[in-house]
């Protein structure tokens, strides 16, 4: 493999892993937002990912496996992205100075990605580790207890903004970098992609905030019964998860 092609291939891997993670997080947001349809809806979504409707009983270890894979992709993507960061403070200062002089919008977006990526490295790792080690707690009451009684809501609030900004900007920059949807009028296409980016960011931030508020309300109401699992009216007793 020639030296000139290796960085390009790393760029392809960085873009591919970033697109995967961004799309996964958007799907994850819809799954989490099922709480807005009621406790039963979220309970069924959680049991679906535990294989309950395939095996007849829940296997939370399946969720742990997915969380482990996403964490590995997360670290892989972060390692590739760090190649583009300035090597030291002097390089960082020079880059900031040049960016300020150019006043280029997409360069500013790159800095937003740097800051949000740095935040995600810590906040996202905590969340994924929790999902890996406590998958059986995912449910209307368990998740709400974690948000309120375990004081995860500040972490989830910061993570929501970091993820949505990083993901929407990342997809936009990947599309521009590789010439996706360029068409006959690249300038007009880029303007439309910027509008779409803001619309998607606003939509998912709104959805995420509404979902977080719903979990906080449930967690406050359930605070005196911390640790009690949610049991749908159709069941007489909680399901026993299998490892």
Protein backbone atom coordinates (compact mmCIF):
# COMPACT_ATOMS: atom_id res chain seq x y z
CA UNK A 1 0.00 0.00 0.00
CA UNK A 2 1.53 3.34 -1.00
CA UNK A 3 1.99 6.07 1.59
CA UNK A 4 -0.17 8.47 -0.43
CA UNK A 5 -3.20 6.16 -0.39
CA UNK A 6 -3.07 5.17 3.27
CA UNK A 7 -4.29 8.54 4.69
CA UNK A 8 -7.11 8.57 2.13
CA UNK A 9 -8.22 5.11 3.20
CA UNK A 10 -8.15 6.21 6.82
CA UNK A 11 -10.38 9.13 5.82
CA UNK A 12 -12.83 6.70 4.23
CA UNK A 13 -12.89 4.63 7.42
CA UNK A 14 -13.37 7.76 9.52
CA UNK A 15 -16.28 8.91 7.36
CA UNK A 16 -17.90 5.45 7.28
CA UNK A 17 -17.65 4.95 11.04
CA UNK A 18 -18.96 8.48 11.63
CA UNK A 19 -21.97 7.94 9.37
CA UNK A 20 -22.73 4.63 11.11
CA UNK A 21 -22.58 6.22 14.57
CA UNK A 22 -24.70 9.23 13.53
CA UNK A 23 -27.42 7.04 12.00
CA UNK A 24 -27.32 4.70 15.00
CA UNK A 25 -27.80 7.62 17.39
CA UNK A 26 -30.79 8.90 15.41
CA UNK A 27 -32.41 5.47 15.56
CA UNK A 28 -31.52 5.26 19.25
CA UNK A 29 -33.25 8.59 19.80
CA UNK A 30 -36.47 7.24 18.30
CA UNK A 31 -36.28 4.16 20.52
CA UNK A 32 -35.73 6.28 23.63
CA UNK A 33 -38.51 8.65 22.59
CA UNK A 34 -41.02 5.80 22.63
CA UNK A 35 -41.56 6.80 26.28
CA UNK A 36 -43.60 9.69 24.86
CA UNK A 37 -46.14 7.09 23.69
CA UNK A 38 -46.45 5.73 27.21
CA UNK A 39 -44.70 3.37 29.63
CA UNK A 40 -46.03 0.27 27.86
CA UNK A 41 -44.59 1.41 24.52
CA UNK A 42 -41.10 1.87 25.94
CA UNK A 43 -41.32 -1.42 27.87
CA UNK A 44 -42.09 -3.30 24.66
CA UNK A 45 -39.26 -1.56 22.79
CA UNK A 46 -36.79 -2.48 25.54
CA UNK A 47 -37.92 -6.12 25.57
CA UNK A 48 -37.70 -6.26 21.77
CA UNK A 49 -33.98 -5.50 21.90
CA UNK A 50 -33.55 -8.14 24.59
CA UNK A 51 -34.92 -10.76 22.19
CA UNK A 52 -38.09 -11.36 24.19
CA UNK A 53 -40.31 -11.63 21.10
CA UNK A 54 -37.91 -14.05 19.44
CA UNK A 55 -36.84 -16.31 22.33
CA UNK A 56 -39.88 -15.97 24.56
CA UNK A 57 -37.82 -14.52 27.42
CA UNK A 58 -35.54 -11.47 27.77
CA UNK A 59 -31.77 -11.71 27.34
CA UNK A 60 -30.28 -8.36 28.46
CA UNK A 61 -26.83 -9.62 27.41
CA UNK A 62 -27.89 -8.86 23.83
CA UNK A 63 -28.12 -5.19 24.76
CA UNK A 64 -24.69 -5.42 26.41
CA UNK A 65 -23.29 -6.83 23.17
CA UNK A 66 -24.71 -3.98 21.11
CA UNK A 67 -23.38 -1.41 23.60
CA UNK A 68 -19.93 -3.03 23.48
CA UNK A 69 -19.90 -2.92 19.66
CA UNK A 70 -20.98 0.73 19.60
CA UNK A 71 -18.31 1.58 22.18
CA UNK A 72 -15.67 -0.11 20.02
CA UNK A 73 -16.85 1.83 16.95
CA UNK A 74 -16.88 4.99 19.03
CA UNK A 75 -13.25 4.52 20.10
CA UNK A 76 -12.23 3.55 16.56
CA UNK A 77 -13.84 6.67 15.10
CA UNK A 78 -12.32 8.91 17.79
CA UNK A 79 -8.84 7.51 17.15
CA UNK A 80 -9.15 8.23 13.43
CA UNK A 81 -10.51 11.73 14.05
CA UNK A 82 -7.67 12.62 16.41
CA UNK A 83 -5.26 12.43 13.46
CA UNK A 84 -6.62 15.78 12.32
CA UNK A 85 -6.17 17.58 15.65
CA UNK A 86 -3.24 19.98 16.16
CA UNK A 87 -0.34 18.16 17.79
CA UNK A 88 0.31 20.80 20.47
CA UNK A 89 -0.97 24.08 21.85
CA UNK A 90 1.15 26.14 19.47
CA UNK A 91 -0.42 24.38 16.49
CA UNK A 92 -3.87 24.80 18.01
CA UNK A 93 -3.30 28.54 18.56
CA UNK A 94 -2.09 29.00 14.99
CA UNK A 95 -5.12 27.14 13.65
CA UNK A 96 -7.48 29.27 15.74
CA UNK A 97 -5.79 32.45 14.53
CA UNK A 98 -6.06 31.45 10.87
CA UNK A 99 -9.68 30.37 11.33
CA UNK A 100 -10.50 33.73 12.90
CA UNK A 101 -8.92 35.57 9.99
CA UNK A 102 -10.71 33.47 7.36
CA UNK A 103 -14.10 33.53 9.09
CA UNK A 104 -15.06 30.39 7.18
CA UNK A 105 -18.31 28.79 8.35
CA UNK A 106 -17.32 25.19 7.71
CA UNK A 107 -14.04 25.70 9.59
CA UNK A 108 -16.06 26.91 12.58
CA UNK A 109 -18.18 23.78 12.32
CA UNK A 110 -14.99 21.72 12.49
CA UNK A 111 -14.15 23.36 15.82
CA UNK A 112 -17.67 22.60 17.10
CA UNK A 113 -17.06 18.99 16.18
CA UNK A 114 -13.75 19.00 18.06
CA UNK A 115 -15.35 20.34 21.25
CA UNK A 116 -18.45 18.13 21.07
CA UNK A 117 -16.32 15.09 20.22
CA UNK A 118 -14.14 15.74 23.26
CA UNK A 119 -17.26 15.99 25.45
CA UNK A 120 -18.75 12.82 23.94
CA UNK A 121 -15.60 10.84 24.66
CA UNK A 122 -16.28 11.18 28.39
CA UNK A 123 -20.07 11.49 28.54
CA UNK A 124 -20.78 8.80 25.94
CA UNK A 125 -18.37 6.34 27.53
CA UNK A 126 -20.20 6.61 30.87
CA UNK A 127 -23.55 5.99 29.21
CA UNK A 128 -22.33 3.03 27.15
CA UNK A 129 -20.62 1.46 30.15
CA UNK A 130 -23.89 1.72 32.09
CA UNK A 131 -25.78 0.04 29.24
CA UNK A 132 -23.16 -2.72 29.12
CA UNK A 133 -23.20 -3.46 32.85
CA UNK A 134 -26.86 -2.78 33.72
CA UNK A 135 -28.89 -3.68 30.62
CA UNK A 136 -31.63 -5.32 32.68
CA UNK A 137 -32.46 -1.94 34.25
CA UNK A 138 -33.64 -0.48 30.93
CA UNK A 139 -37.34 0.17 31.20
CA UNK A 140 -39.86 2.88 32.11
CA UNK A 141 -39.04 2.81 35.82
CA UNK A 142 -35.42 1.66 35.69
CA UNK A 143 -34.39 4.28 33.14
CA UNK A 144 -36.36 7.03 34.92
CA UNK A 145 -34.80 6.04 38.26
CA UNK A 146 -31.36 6.33 36.69
CA UNK A 147 -32.18 9.77 35.29
CA UNK A 148 -33.58 11.22 38.54
CA UNK A 149 -32.49 9.24 41.60
CA UNK A 150 -29.05 8.32 40.25
CA UNK A 151 -28.61 11.90 38.97
CA UNK A 152 -27.85 11.01 35.36
CA UNK A 153 -30.00 13.82 33.97
CA UNK A 154 -27.14 16.41 33.82
CA UNK A 155 -25.00 13.88 31.94
CA UNK A 156 -27.80 13.02 29.52
CA UNK A 157 -28.62 16.70 28.94
CA UNK A 158 -25.02 17.54 28.01
CA UNK A 159 -24.69 14.34 25.98
CA UNK A 160 -27.86 15.14 24.03
CA UNK A 161 -26.51 18.47 22.79
CA UNK A 162 -23.03 17.07 22.11
CA UNK A 163 -24.33 14.08 20.14
CA UNK A 164 -26.89 15.94 18.05
CA UNK A 165 -24.55 18.78 17.13
CA UNK A 166 -21.64 16.45 16.42
CA UNK A 167 -23.72 14.01 14.40
CA UNK A 168 -25.59 16.51 12.21
CA UNK A 169 -22.45 18.55 11.52
CA UNK A 170 -20.52 15.36 10.81
CA UNK A 171 -23.03 14.12 8.24
CA UNK A 172 -23.05 17.52 6.56
CA UNK A 173 -19.26 17.68 6.39
CA UNK A 174 -19.02 14.10 5.07
CA UNK A 175 -21.55 14.90 2.34
CA UNK A 176 -19.59 18.00 1.34
CA UNK A 177 -16.23 16.22 1.52
CA UNK A 178 -17.22 13.34 -0.73
CA UNK A 179 -19.48 15.36 -3.05
CA UNK A 180 -22.75 13.62 -2.16
CA UNK A 181 -25.89 15.22 -3.58
CA UNK A 182 -23.76 17.84 -5.29
CA UNK A 183 -25.87 18.02 -8.46
CA UNK A 184 -25.48 20.66 -11.14
CA UNK A 185 -25.44 23.57 -8.68
CA UNK A 186 -23.05 22.71 -5.82
CA UNK A 187 -23.47 26.10 -4.10
CA UNK A 188 -27.26 25.77 -4.00
CA UNK A 189 -26.98 22.16 -2.84
CA UNK A 190 -24.69 23.19 0.01
CA UNK A 191 -27.16 25.86 1.14
CA UNK A 192 -29.95 23.29 1.14
CA UNK A 193 -27.81 20.84 3.10
CA UNK A 194 -27.12 23.54 5.71
CA UNK A 195 -30.87 24.14 6.09
CA UNK A 196 -31.47 20.40 6.37
CA UNK A 197 -28.73 20.16 9.00
CA UNK A 198 -30.37 22.82 11.16
CA UNK A 199 -33.81 21.26 10.73
CA UNK A 200 -32.53 17.83 11.76
CA UNK A 201 -30.61 19.26 14.69
CA UNK A 202 -33.66 21.18 15.91
CA UNK A 203 -35.93 18.16 15.47
CA UNK A 204 -33.74 15.69 17.37
CA UNK A 205 -32.87 18.17 20.12
CA UNK A 206 -36.59 18.84 20.63
CA UNK A 207 -37.37 15.13 20.61
CA UNK A 208 -34.55 14.42 23.04
CA UNK A 209 -35.54 17.20 25.44
CA UNK A 210 -39.18 16.10 25.47
CA UNK A 211 -38.08 12.52 26.15
CA UNK A 212 -35.77 13.61 28.97
CA UNK A 213 -38.58 15.61 30.56
CA UNK A 214 -40.84 12.54 30.36
CA UNK A 215 -38.23 10.38 32.13
CA UNK A 216 -37.72 13.06 34.79
CA UNK A 217 -41.45 13.22 35.49
CA UNK A 218 -41.69 9.44 35.80
CA UNK A 219 -38.54 9.33 37.95
CA UNK A 220 -39.88 11.95 40.35
CA UNK A 221 -43.17 10.09 40.73
CA UNK A 222 -41.34 6.77 41.22
CA UNK A 223 -38.63 8.07 43.55
CA UNK A 224 -40.11 6.44 46.66
CA UNK A 225 -40.17 3.05 44.89
CA UNK A 226 -36.63 3.14 43.50
CA UNK A 227 -35.59 -0.20 42.01
CA UNK A 228 -39.11 -1.50 41.46
CA UNK A 229 -39.45 -2.76 37.86
CA UNK A 230 -42.31 -1.73 35.63
CA UNK A 231 -44.88 -4.46 35.02
CA UNK A 232 -47.33 -3.93 32.14
CA UNK A 233 -51.00 -4.48 32.99
CA UNK A 234 -50.99 -7.54 30.69
CA UNK A 235 -48.41 -9.29 32.91
CA UNK A 236 -48.96 -10.50 36.45
CA UNK A 237 -45.31 -10.37 37.52
CA UNK A 238 -41.98 -8.98 36.24
CA UNK A 239 -40.05 -10.94 33.62
CA UNK A 240 -36.96 -12.74 34.84
CA UNK A 241 -34.07 -11.70 32.57
CA UNK A 242 -31.61 -14.34 31.37
CA UNK A 243 -27.91 -13.78 31.02
